[in-house]
């Protein structure tokens, strides 16, 4: 229902999931959200 609002911000929790799948969340310094740098935010 409706459109997906603000996908730019949603890449952060998706990045957290992806980092967890790749085992790269051990050094996140207590923060839970991880952005994916090398990705096109407008078309991913």
ModelCIF file with pLDDT and N, C-alpha, C, O atoms, coordinates in Angstrom:
data_MODEL
#
_entry.id   MODEL 
#
_entity.id                         1 
_entity.type                       polymer 
_entity.pdbx_number_of_molecules   1 
#
_entity_poly.entity_id                      1 
_entity_poly.type                           'polypeptide(L)' 
_entity_poly.nstd_linkage                   no 
_entity_poly.nstd_monomer                   no 
_entity_poly.pdbx_seq_one_letter_code       
;(UNK)(UNK)(UNK)(UNK)(UNK)(UNK)(UNK)(UNK)(UNK)(UNK)(UNK)(UNK)(UNK)(UNK)(UNK)(UNK)
(UNK)(UNK)(UNK)(UNK)(UNK)(UNK)(UNK)(UNK)(UNK)(UNK)(UNK)(UNK)(UNK)(UNK)(UNK)(UNK)
(UNK)(UNK)(UNK)(UNK)(UNK)(UNK)(UNK)(UNK)(UNK)(UNK)(UNK)(UNK)
;
_entity_poly.pdbx_seq_one_letter_code_can   XXXXXXXXXXXXXXXXXXXXXXXXXXXXXXXXXXXXXXXXXXXX 
_entity_poly.pdbx_strand_id                 A 
#
loop_
_entity_poly_seq.entity_id 
_entity_poly_seq.num 
_entity_poly_seq.mon_id 
_entity_poly_seq.hetero 
1 1  UNK n 
1 2  UNK n 
1 3  UNK n 
1 4  UNK n 
1 5  UNK n 
1 6  UNK n 
1 7  UNK n 
1 8  UNK n 
1 9  UNK n 
1 10 UNK n 
1 11 UNK n 
1 12 UNK n 
1 13 UNK n 
1 14 UNK n 
1 15 UNK n 
1 16 UNK n 
1 17 UNK n 
1 18 UNK n 
1 19 UNK n 
1 20 UNK n 
1 21 UNK n 
1 22 UNK n 
1 23 UNK n 
1 24 UNK n 
1 25 UNK n 
1 26 UNK n 
1 27 UNK n 
1 28 UNK n 
1 29 UNK n 
1 30 UNK n 
1 31 UNK n 
1 32 UNK n 
1 33 UNK n 
1 34 UNK n 
1 35 UNK n 
1 36 UNK n 
1 37 UNK n 
1 38 UNK n 
1 39 UNK n 
1 40 UNK n 
1 41 UNK n 
1 42 UNK n 
1 43 UNK n 
1 44 UNK n 
#
_struct_asym.id          A 
_struct_asym.entity_id   1 
#
loop_
_ma_qa_metric.id 
_ma_qa_metric.mode 
_ma_qa_metric.name 
_ma_qa_metric.software_group_id 
_ma_qa_metric.type 
1 global pLDDT . pLDDT 
2 local  pLDDT . pLDDT 
#
_ma_qa_metric_global.metric_id      1 
_ma_qa_metric_global.metric_value   83.95 
_ma_qa_metric_global.model_id       1 
_ma_qa_metric_global.ordinal_id     1 
#
loop_
_ma_qa_metric_local.label_asym_id 
_ma_qa_metric_local.label_comp_id 
_ma_qa_metric_local.label_seq_id 
_ma_qa_metric_local.metric_id 
_ma_qa_metric_local.metric_value 
_ma_qa_metric_local.model_id 
_ma_qa_metric_local.ordinal_id 
A UNK 1  2 60.00 1 1  
A UNK 2  2 54.00 1 2  
A UNK 3  2 57.00 1 3  
A UNK 4  2 64.00 1 4  
A UNK 5  2 66.00 1 5  
A UNK 6  2 70.00 1 6  
A UNK 7  2 76.00 1 7  
A UNK 8  2 81.00 1 8  
A UNK 9  2 88.00 1 9  
A UNK 10 2 90.00 1 10 
A UNK 11 2 91.00 1 11 
A UNK 12 2 94.00 1 12 
A UNK 13 2 95.00 1 13 
A UNK 14 2 94.00 1 14 
A UNK 15 2 93.00 1 15 
A UNK 16 2 95.00 1 16 
A UNK 17 2 95.00 1 17 
A UNK 18 2 93.00 1 18 
A UNK 19 2 93.00 1 19 
A UNK 20 2 94.00 1 20 
A UNK 21 2 92.00 1 21 
A UNK 22 2 91.00 1 22 
A UNK 23 2 90.00 1 23 
A UNK 24 2 90.00 1 24 
A UNK 25 2 88.00 1 25 
A UNK 26 2 84.00 1 26 
A UNK 27 2 84.00 1 27 
A UNK 28 2 86.00 1 28 
A UNK 29 2 86.00 1 29 
A UNK 30 2 90.00 1 30 
A UNK 31 2 95.00 1 31 
A UNK 32 2 95.00 1 32 
A UNK 33 2 96.00 1 33 
A UNK 34 2 93.00 1 34 
A UNK 35 2 90.00 1 35 
A UNK 36 2 89.00 1 36 
A UNK 37 2 83.00 1 37 
A UNK 38 2 78.00 1 38 
A UNK 39 2 81.00 1 39 
A UNK 40 2 77.00 1 40 
A UNK 41 2 73.00 1 41 
A UNK 42 2 70.00 1 42 
A UNK 43 2 72.00 1 43 
A UNK 44 2 78.00 1 44 
#
loop_
_atom_site.group_PDB 
_atom_site.id 
_atom_site.type_symbol 
_atom_site.label_atom_id 
_atom_site.label_alt_id 
_atom_site.label_comp_id 
_atom_site.label_asym_id 
_atom_site.label_entity_id 
_atom_site.label_seq_id 
_atom_site.pdbx_PDB_ins_code 
_atom_site.Cartn_x 
_atom_site.Cartn_y 
_atom_site.Cartn_z 
_atom_site.occupancy 
_atom_site.B_iso_or_equiv 
_atom_site.pdbx_formal_charge 
_atom_site.auth_seq_id 
_atom_site.auth_comp_id 
_atom_site.auth_asym_id 
_atom_site.auth_atom_id 
_atom_site.pdbx_PDB_model_num 
ATOM 1   N N  . UNK A 1 1  ? 0.861  -1.178  0.000  1.00 60.00 ? 1  UNK A N  1 
ATOM 2   C CA . UNK A 1 1  ? 0.000  0.000   0.000  1.00 60.00 ? 1  UNK A CA 1 
ATOM 3   C C  . UNK A 1 1  ? 0.896  1.227   0.000  1.00 60.00 ? 1  UNK A C  1 
ATOM 4   O O  . UNK A 1 1  ? 1.705  1.401   0.911  1.00 60.00 ? 1  UNK A O  1 
ATOM 5   N N  . UNK A 1 2  ? 0.765  2.074   -1.003 1.00 54.00 ? 2  UNK A N  1 
ATOM 6   C CA . UNK A 1 2  ? 1.618  3.250   -1.088 1.00 54.00 ? 2  UNK A CA 1 
ATOM 7   C C  . UNK A 1 2  ? 2.986  2.903   -1.650 1.00 54.00 ? 2  UNK A C  1 
ATOM 8   O O  . UNK A 1 2  ? 3.204  1.782   -2.109 1.00 54.00 ? 2  UNK A O  1 
ATOM 9   N N  . UNK A 1 3  ? 3.900  3.850   -1.618 1.00 57.00 ? 3  UNK A N  1 
ATOM 10  C CA . UNK A 1 3  ? 5.253  3.640   -2.122 1.00 57.00 ? 3  UNK A CA 1 
ATOM 11  C C  . UNK A 1 3  ? 6.218  3.472   -0.963 1.00 57.00 ? 3  UNK A C  1 
ATOM 12  O O  . UNK A 1 3  ? 5.889  3.780   0.182  1.00 57.00 ? 3  UNK A O  1 
ATOM 13  N N  . UNK A 1 4  ? 7.411  2.981   -1.269 1.00 64.00 ? 4  UNK A N  1 
ATOM 14  C CA . UNK A 1 4  ? 8.418  2.785   -0.237 1.00 64.00 ? 4  UNK A CA 1 
ATOM 15  C C  . UNK A 1 4  ? 9.068  4.127   0.076  1.00 64.00 ? 4  UNK A C  1 
ATOM 16  O O  . UNK A 1 4  ? 9.765  4.679   -0.774 1.00 64.00 ? 4  UNK A O  1 
ATOM 17  N N  . UNK A 1 5  ? 8.860  4.653   1.252  1.00 66.00 ? 5  UNK A N  1 
ATOM 18  C CA . UNK A 1 5  ? 9.345  5.981   1.612  1.00 66.00 ? 5  UNK A CA 1 
ATOM 19  C C  . UNK A 1 5  ? 10.776 5.920   2.159  1.00 66.00 ? 5  UNK A C  1 
ATOM 20  O O  . UNK A 1 5  ? 11.085 5.089   3.012  1.00 66.00 ? 5  UNK A O  1 
ATOM 21  N N  . UNK A 1 6  ? 11.632 6.793   1.668  1.00 70.00 ? 6  UNK A N  1 
ATOM 22  C CA . UNK A 1 6  ? 12.984 7.006   2.172  1.00 70.00 ? 6  UNK A CA 1 
ATOM 23  C C  . UNK A 1 6  ? 13.827 5.724   2.181  1.00 70.00 ? 6  UNK A C  1 
ATOM 24  O O  . UNK A 1 6  ? 14.239 5.246   3.238  1.00 70.00 ? 6  UNK A O  1 
ATOM 25  N N  . UNK A 1 7  ? 14.069 5.189   1.008  1.00 76.00 ? 7  UNK A N  1 
ATOM 26  C CA . UNK A 1 7  ? 14.912 4.001   0.880  1.00 76.00 ? 7  UNK A CA 1 
ATOM 27  C C  . UNK A 1 7  ? 16.372 4.323   1.184  1.00 76.00 ? 7  UNK A C  1 
ATOM 28  O O  . UNK A 1 7  ? 17.153 3.424   1.497  1.00 76.00 ? 7  UNK A O  1 
ATOM 29  N N  . UNK A 1 8  ? 16.743 5.597   1.095  1.00 81.00 ? 8  UNK A N  1 
ATOM 30  C CA . UNK A 1 8  ? 18.112 5.990   1.431  1.00 81.00 ? 8  UNK A CA 1 
ATOM 31  C C  . UNK A 1 8  ? 18.444 5.629   2.882  1.00 81.00 ? 8  UNK A C  1 
ATOM 32  O O  . UNK A 1 8  ? 19.523 5.112   3.171  1.00 81.00 ? 8  UNK A O  1 
ATOM 33  N N  . UNK A 1 9  ? 17.504 5.906   3.787  1.00 88.00 ? 9  UNK A N  1 
ATOM 34  C CA . UNK A 1 9  ? 17.723 5.584   5.197  1.00 88.00 ? 9  UNK A CA 1 
ATOM 35  C C  . UNK A 1 9  ? 17.620 4.082   5.453  1.00 88.00 ? 9  UNK A C  1 
ATOM 36  O O  . UNK A 1 9  ? 18.307 3.542   6.320  1.00 88.00 ? 9  UNK A O  1 
ATOM 37  N N  . UNK A 1 10 ? 16.757 3.415   4.692  1.00 90.00 ? 10 UNK A N  1 
ATOM 38  C CA . UNK A 1 10 ? 16.550 1.982   4.948  1.00 90.00 ? 10 UNK A CA 1 
ATOM 39  C C  . UNK A 1 10 ? 17.755 1.134   4.551  1.00 90.00 ? 10 UNK A C  1 
ATOM 40  O O  . UNK A 1 10 ? 17.852 -0.025  4.955  1.00 90.00 ? 10 UNK A O  1 
ATOM 41  N N  . UNK A 1 11 ? 18.668 1.692   3.770  1.00 91.00 ? 11 UNK A N  1 
ATOM 42  C CA . UNK A 1 11 ? 19.878 0.934   3.434  1.00 91.00 ? 11 UNK A CA 1 
ATOM 43  C C  . UNK A 1 11 ? 20.714 0.679   4.681  1.00 91.00 ? 11 UNK A C  1 
ATOM 44  O O  . UNK A 1 11 ? 21.530 -0.242  4.701  1.00 91.00 ? 11 UNK A O  1 
ATOM 45  N N  . UNK A 1 12 ? 20.518 1.488   5.723  1.00 94.00 ? 12 UNK A N  1 
ATOM 46  C CA . UNK A 1 12 ? 21.281 1.311   6.961  1.00 94.00 ? 12 UNK A CA 1 
ATOM 47  C C  . UNK A 1 12 ? 20.929 -0.002  7.670  1.00 94.00 ? 12 UNK A C  1 
ATOM 48  O O  . UNK A 1 12 ? 21.832 -0.795  7.940  1.00 94.00 ? 12 UNK A O  1 
ATOM 49  N N  . UNK A 1 13 ? 19.646 -0.266  7.983  1.00 95.00 ? 13 UNK A N  1 
ATOM 50  C CA . UNK A 1 13 ? 19.334 -1.580  8.577  1.00 95.00 ? 13 UNK A CA 1 
ATOM 51  C C  . UNK A 1 13 ? 19.605 -2.736  7.627  1.00 95.00 ? 13 UNK A C  1 
ATOM 52  O O  . UNK A 1 13 ? 19.981 -3.820  8.073  1.00 95.00 ? 13 UNK A O  1 
ATOM 53  N N  . UNK A 1 14 ? 19.423 -2.529  6.325  1.00 94.00 ? 14 UNK A N  1 
ATOM 54  C CA . UNK A 1 14 ? 19.749 -3.581  5.362  1.00 94.00 ? 14 UNK A CA 1 
ATOM 55  C C  . UNK A 1 14 ? 21.256 -3.839  5.376  1.00 94.00 ? 14 UNK A C  1 
ATOM 56  O O  . UNK A 1 14 ? 21.700 -4.981  5.259  1.00 94.00 ? 14 UNK A O  1 
ATOM 57  N N  . UNK A 1 15 ? 22.035 -2.767  5.519  1.00 93.00 ? 15 UNK A N  1 
ATOM 58  C CA . UNK A 1 15 ? 23.477 -2.918  5.654  1.00 93.00 ? 15 UNK A CA 1 
ATOM 59  C C  . UNK A 1 15 ? 23.852 -3.716  6.890  1.00 93.00 ? 15 UNK A C  1 
ATOM 60  O O  . UNK A 1 15 ? 24.797 -4.504  6.858  1.00 93.00 ? 15 UNK A O  1 
ATOM 61  N N  . UNK A 1 16 ? 23.116 -3.517  7.982  1.00 95.00 ? 16 UNK A N  1 
ATOM 62  C CA . UNK A 1 16 ? 23.365 -4.281  9.206  1.00 95.00 ? 16 UNK A CA 1 
ATOM 63  C C  . UNK A 1 16 ? 23.129 -5.768  8.978  1.00 95.00 ? 16 UNK A C  1 
ATOM 64  O O  . UNK A 1 16 ? 23.904 -6.607  9.437  1.00 95.00 ? 16 UNK A O  1 
ATOM 65  N N  . UNK A 1 17 ? 22.052 -6.086  8.263  1.00 95.00 ? 17 UNK A N  1 
ATOM 66  C CA . UNK A 1 17 ? 21.734 -7.482  7.957  1.00 95.00 ? 17 UNK A CA 1 
ATOM 67  C C  . UNK A 1 17 ? 22.828 -8.086  7.071  1.00 95.00 ? 17 UNK A C  1 
ATOM 68  O O  . UNK A 1 17 ? 23.289 -9.202  7.310  1.00 95.00 ? 17 UNK A O  1 
ATOM 69  N N  . UNK A 1 18 ? 23.230 -7.339  6.057  1.00 93.00 ? 18 UNK A N  1 
ATOM 70  C CA . UNK A 1 18 ? 24.265 -7.827  5.139  1.00 93.00 ? 18 UNK A CA 1 
ATOM 71  C C  . UNK A 1 18 ? 25.591 -8.036  5.860  1.00 93.00 ? 18 UNK A C  1 
ATOM 72  O O  . UNK A 1 18 ? 26.279 -9.031  5.629  1.00 93.00 ? 18 UNK A O  1 
ATOM 73  N N  . UNK A 1 19 ? 25.950 -7.096  6.736  1.00 93.00 ? 19 UNK A N  1 
ATOM 74  C CA . UNK A 1 19 ? 27.190 -7.227  7.494  1.00 93.00 ? 19 UNK A CA 1 
ATOM 75  C C  . UNK A 1 19 ? 27.147 -8.439  8.415  1.00 93.00 ? 19 UNK A C  1 
ATOM 76  O O  . UNK A 1 19 ? 28.157 -9.115  8.608  1.00 93.00 ? 19 UNK A O  1 
ATOM 77  N N  . UNK A 1 20 ? 25.974 -8.710  8.982  1.00 94.00 ? 20 UNK A N  1 
ATOM 78  C CA . UNK A 1 20 ? 25.823 -9.884  9.843  1.00 94.00 ? 20 UNK A CA 1 
ATOM 79  C C  . UNK A 1 20 ? 25.984 -11.168 9.043  1.00 94.00 ? 20 UNK A C  1 
ATOM 80  O O  . UNK A 1 20 ? 26.590 -12.126 9.524  1.00 94.00 ? 20 UNK A O  1 
ATOM 81  N N  . UNK A 1 21 ? 25.449 -11.196 7.831  1.00 92.00 ? 21 UNK A N  1 
ATOM 82  C CA . UNK A 1 21 ? 25.588 -12.379 6.967  1.00 92.00 ? 21 UNK A CA 1 
ATOM 83  C C  . UNK A 1 21 ? 27.053 -12.634 6.613  1.00 92.00 ? 21 UNK A C  1 
ATOM 84  O O  . UNK A 1 21 ? 27.469 -13.781 6.448  1.00 92.00 ? 21 UNK A O  1 
ATOM 85  N N  . UNK A 1 22 ? 27.830 -11.554 6.498  1.00 91.00 ? 22 UNK A N  1 
ATOM 86  C CA . UNK A 1 22 ? 29.244 -11.693 6.136  1.00 91.00 ? 22 UNK A CA 1 
ATOM 87  C C  . UNK A 1 22 ? 30.172 -11.717 7.348  1.00 91.00 ? 22 UNK A C  1 
ATOM 88  O O  . UNK A 1 22 ? 31.395 -11.737 7.204  1.00 91.00 ? 22 UNK A O  1 
ATOM 89  N N  . UNK A 1 23 ? 29.579 -11.716 8.548  1.00 90.00 ? 23 UNK A N  1 
ATOM 90  C CA . UNK A 1 23 ? 30.383 -11.787 9.765  1.00 90.00 ? 23 UNK A CA 1 
ATOM 91  C C  . UNK A 1 23 ? 31.227 -10.553 10.013 1.00 90.00 ? 23 UNK A C  1 
ATOM 92  O O  . UNK A 1 23 ? 32.346 -10.656 10.516 1.00 90.00 ? 23 UNK A O  1 
ATOM 93  N N  . UNK A 1 24 ? 30.697 -9.374  9.661  1.00 90.00 ? 24 UNK A N  1 
ATOM 94  C CA . UNK A 1 24 ? 31.465 -8.135  9.794  1.00 90.00 ? 24 UNK A CA 1 
ATOM 95  C C  . UNK A 1 24 ? 30.841 -7.163  10.799 1.00 90.00 ? 24 UNK A C  1 
ATOM 96  O O  . UNK A 1 24 ? 30.874 -5.949  10.598 1.00 90.00 ? 24 UNK A O  1 
ATOM 97  N N  . UNK A 1 25 ? 30.280 -7.698  11.864 1.00 88.00 ? 25 UNK A N  1 
ATOM 98  C CA . UNK A 1 25 ? 29.625 -6.826  12.854 1.00 88.00 ? 25 UNK A CA 1 
ATOM 99  C C  . UNK A 1 25 ? 30.330 -6.823  14.201 1.00 88.00 ? 25 UNK A C  1 
ATOM 100 O O  . UNK A 1 25 ? 29.811 -6.261  15.166 1.00 88.00 ? 25 UNK A O  1 
ATOM 101 N N  . UNK A 1 26 ? 31.489 -7.432  14.284 1.00 84.00 ? 26 UNK A N  1 
ATOM 102 C CA . UNK A 1 26 ? 32.171 -7.538  15.582 1.00 84.00 ? 26 UNK A CA 1 
ATOM 103 C C  . UNK A 1 26 ? 32.819 -6.231  16.011 1.00 84.00 ? 26 UNK A C  1 
ATOM 104 O O  . UNK A 1 26 ? 33.036 -6.016  17.204 1.00 84.00 ? 26 UNK A O  1 
ATOM 105 N N  . UNK A 1 27 ? 33.132 -5.357  15.067 1.00 84.00 ? 27 UNK A N  1 
ATOM 106 C CA . UNK A 1 27 ? 33.825 -4.109  15.391 1.00 84.00 ? 27 UNK A CA 1 
ATOM 107 C C  . UNK A 1 27 ? 32.965 -2.880  15.111 1.00 84.00 ? 27 UNK A C  1 
ATOM 108 O O  . UNK A 1 27 ? 33.451 -1.869  14.605 1.00 84.00 ? 27 UNK A O  1 
ATOM 109 N N  . UNK A 1 28 ? 31.673 -2.985  15.448 1.00 86.00 ? 28 UNK A N  1 
ATOM 110 C CA . UNK A 1 28 ? 30.781 -1.850  15.166 1.00 86.00 ? 28 UNK A CA 1 
ATOM 111 C C  . UNK A 1 28 ? 30.710 -0.837  16.309 1.00 86.00 ? 28 UNK A C  1 
ATOM 112 O O  . UNK A 1 28 ? 29.889 0.080   16.272 1.00 86.00 ? 28 UNK A O  1 
ATOM 113 N N  . UNK A 1 29 ? 31.566 -0.997  17.325 1.00 86.00 ? 29 UNK A N  1 
ATOM 114 C CA . UNK A 1 29 ? 31.741 -0.004  18.399 1.00 86.00 ? 29 UNK A CA 1 
ATOM 115 C C  . UNK A 1 29 ? 30.459 0.295   19.179 1.00 86.00 ? 29 UNK A C  1 
ATOM 116 O O  . UNK A 1 29 ? 30.304 1.392   19.716 1.00 86.00 ? 29 UNK A O  1 
ATOM 117 N N  . UNK A 1 30 ? 29.550 -0.662  19.244 1.00 90.00 ? 30 UNK A N  1 
ATOM 118 C CA . UNK A 1 30 ? 28.311 -0.463  19.995 1.00 90.00 ? 30 UNK A CA 1 
ATOM 119 C C  . UNK A 1 30 ? 27.167 0.099   19.183 1.00 90.00 ? 30 UNK A C  1 
ATOM 120 O O  . UNK A 1 30 ? 26.062 0.248   19.703 1.00 90.00 ? 30 UNK A O  1 
ATOM 121 N N  . UNK A 1 31 ? 27.402 0.417   17.918 1.00 95.00 ? 31 UNK A N  1 
ATOM 122 C CA . UNK A 1 31 ? 26.347 0.954   17.054 1.00 95.00 ? 31 UNK A CA 1 
ATOM 123 C C  . UNK A 1 31 ? 25.714 -0.179  16.250 1.00 95.00 ? 31 UNK A C  1 
ATOM 124 O O  . UNK A 1 31 ? 26.375 -1.158  15.907 1.00 95.00 ? 31 UNK A O  1 
ATOM 125 N N  . UNK A 1 32 ? 24.414 -0.028  15.954 1.00 95.00 ? 32 UNK A N  1 
ATOM 126 C CA . UNK A 1 32 ? 23.699 -1.114  15.296 1.00 95.00 ? 32 UNK A CA 1 
ATOM 127 C C  . UNK A 1 32 ? 23.483 -0.951  13.807 1.00 95.00 ? 32 UNK A C  1 
ATOM 128 O O  . UNK A 1 32 ? 23.185 -1.926  13.118 1.00 95.00 ? 32 UNK A O  1 
ATOM 129 N N  . UNK A 1 33 ? 23.627 0.276   13.290 1.00 96.00 ? 33 UNK A N  1 
ATOM 130 C CA . UNK A 1 33 ? 23.351 0.529   11.880 1.00 96.00 ? 33 UNK A CA 1 
ATOM 131 C C  . UNK A 1 33 ? 24.649 0.696   11.089 1.00 96.00 ? 33 UNK A C  1 
ATOM 132 O O  . UNK A 1 33 ? 25.573 1.394   11.506 1.00 96.00 ? 33 UNK A O  1 
ATOM 133 N N  . UNK A 1 34 ? 24.683 0.032   9.936  1.00 93.00 ? 34 UNK A N  1 
ATOM 134 C CA . UNK A 1 34 ? 25.878 0.056   9.093  1.00 93.00 ? 34 UNK A CA 1 
ATOM 135 C C  . UNK A 1 34 ? 25.481 0.374   7.654  1.00 93.00 ? 34 UNK A C  1 
ATOM 136 O O  . UNK A 1 34 ? 24.738 -0.380  7.026  1.00 93.00 ? 34 UNK A O  1 
ATOM 137 N N  . UNK A 1 35 ? 25.978 1.484   7.145  1.00 90.00 ? 35 UNK A N  1 
ATOM 138 C CA . UNK A 1 35 ? 25.690 1.837   5.765  1.00 90.00 ? 35 UNK A CA 1 
ATOM 139 C C  . UNK A 1 35 ? 26.584 1.075   4.807  1.00 90.00 ? 35 UNK A C  1 
ATOM 140 O O  . UNK A 1 35 ? 27.712 0.722   5.150  1.00 90.00 ? 35 UNK A O  1 
ATOM 141 N N  . UNK A 1 36 ? 26.085 0.821   3.609  1.00 89.00 ? 36 UNK A N  1 
ATOM 142 C CA . UNK A 1 36 ? 26.888 0.197   2.556  1.00 89.00 ? 36 UNK A CA 1 
ATOM 143 C C  . UNK A 1 36 ? 27.384 1.328   1.658  1.00 89.00 ? 36 UNK A C  1 
ATOM 144 O O  . UNK A 1 36 ? 26.590 1.985   0.985  1.00 89.00 ? 36 UNK A O  1 
ATOM 145 N N  . UNK A 1 37 ? 28.679 1.549   1.650  1.00 83.00 ? 37 UNK A N  1 
ATOM 146 C CA . UNK A 1 37 ? 29.239 2.708   0.953  1.00 83.00 ? 37 UNK A CA 1 
ATOM 147 C C  . UNK A 1 37 ? 29.132 2.609   -0.564 1.00 83.00 ? 37 UNK A C  1 
ATOM 148 O O  . UNK A 1 37 ? 28.657 3.532   -1.226 1.00 83.00 ? 37 UNK A O  1 
ATOM 149 N N  . UNK A 1 38 ? 29.575 1.485   -1.101 1.00 78.00 ? 38 UNK A N  1 
ATOM 150 C CA . UNK A 1 38 ? 29.661 1.363   -2.559 1.00 78.00 ? 38 UNK A CA 1 
ATOM 151 C C  . UNK A 1 38 ? 28.389 0.756   -3.149 1.00 78.00 ? 38 UNK A C  1 
ATOM 152 O O  . UNK A 1 38 ? 28.399 -0.345  -3.699 1.00 78.00 ? 38 UNK A O  1 
ATOM 153 N N  . UNK A 1 39 ? 27.283 1.516   -3.016 1.00 81.00 ? 39 UNK A N  1 
ATOM 154 C CA . UNK A 1 39 ? 26.008 1.051   -3.555 1.00 81.00 ? 39 UNK A CA 1 
ATOM 155 C C  . UNK A 1 39 ? 25.217 2.260   -4.046 1.00 81.00 ? 39 UNK A C  1 
ATOM 156 O O  . UNK A 1 39 ? 25.301 3.338   -3.458 1.00 81.00 ? 39 UNK A O  1 
ATOM 157 N N  . UNK A 1 40 ? 24.456 2.086   -5.114 1.00 77.00 ? 40 UNK A N  1 
ATOM 158 C CA . UNK A 1 40 ? 23.648 3.167   -5.668 1.00 77.00 ? 40 UNK A CA 1 
ATOM 159 C C  . UNK A 1 40 ? 22.336 3.262   -4.889 1.00 77.00 ? 40 UNK A C  1 
ATOM 160 O O  . UNK A 1 40 ? 21.463 2.405   -5.031 1.00 77.00 ? 40 UNK A O  1 
ATOM 161 N N  . UNK A 1 41 ? 22.197 4.302   -4.068 1.00 73.00 ? 41 UNK A N  1 
ATOM 162 C CA . UNK A 1 41 ? 21.031 4.430   -3.200 1.00 73.00 ? 41 UNK A CA 1 
ATOM 163 C C  . UNK A 1 41 ? 19.733 4.645   -3.975 1.00 73.00 ? 41 UNK A C  1 
ATOM 164 O O  . UNK A 1 41 ? 18.658 4.311   -3.477 1.00 73.00 ? 41 UNK A O  1 
ATOM 165 N N  . UNK A 1 42 ? 19.813 5.187   -5.162 1.00 70.00 ? 42 UNK A N  1 
ATOM 166 C CA . UNK A 1 42 ? 18.607 5.504   -5.928 1.00 70.00 ? 42 UNK A CA 1 
ATOM 167 C C  . UNK A 1 42 ? 18.037 4.302   -6.677 1.00 70.00 ? 42 UNK A C  1 
ATOM 168 O O  . UNK A 1 42 ? 16.881 4.323   -7.100 1.00 70.00 ? 42 UNK A O  1 
ATOM 169 N N  . UNK A 1 43 ? 18.849 3.249   -6.841 1.00 72.00 ? 43 UNK A N  1 
ATOM 170 C CA . UNK A 1 43 ? 18.378 2.144   -7.685 1.00 72.00 ? 43 UNK A CA 1 
ATOM 171 C C  . UNK A 1 43 ? 18.649 0.748   -7.115 1.00 72.00 ? 43 UNK A C  1 
ATOM 172 O O  . UNK A 1 43 ? 18.439 -0.248  -7.808 1.00 72.00 ? 43 UNK A O  1 
ATOM 173 N N  . UNK A 1 44 ? 19.107 0.664   -5.877 1.00 78.00 ? 44 UNK A N  1 
ATOM 174 C CA . UNK A 1 44 ? 19.446 -0.660  -5.350 1.00 78.00 ? 44 UNK A CA 1 
ATOM 175 C C  . UNK A 1 44 ? 18.196 -1.520  -5.142 1.00 78.00 ? 44 UNK A C  1 
ATOM 176 O O  . UNK A 1 44 ? 18.301 -2.666  -4.704 1.00 78.00 ? 44 UNK A O  1 
#
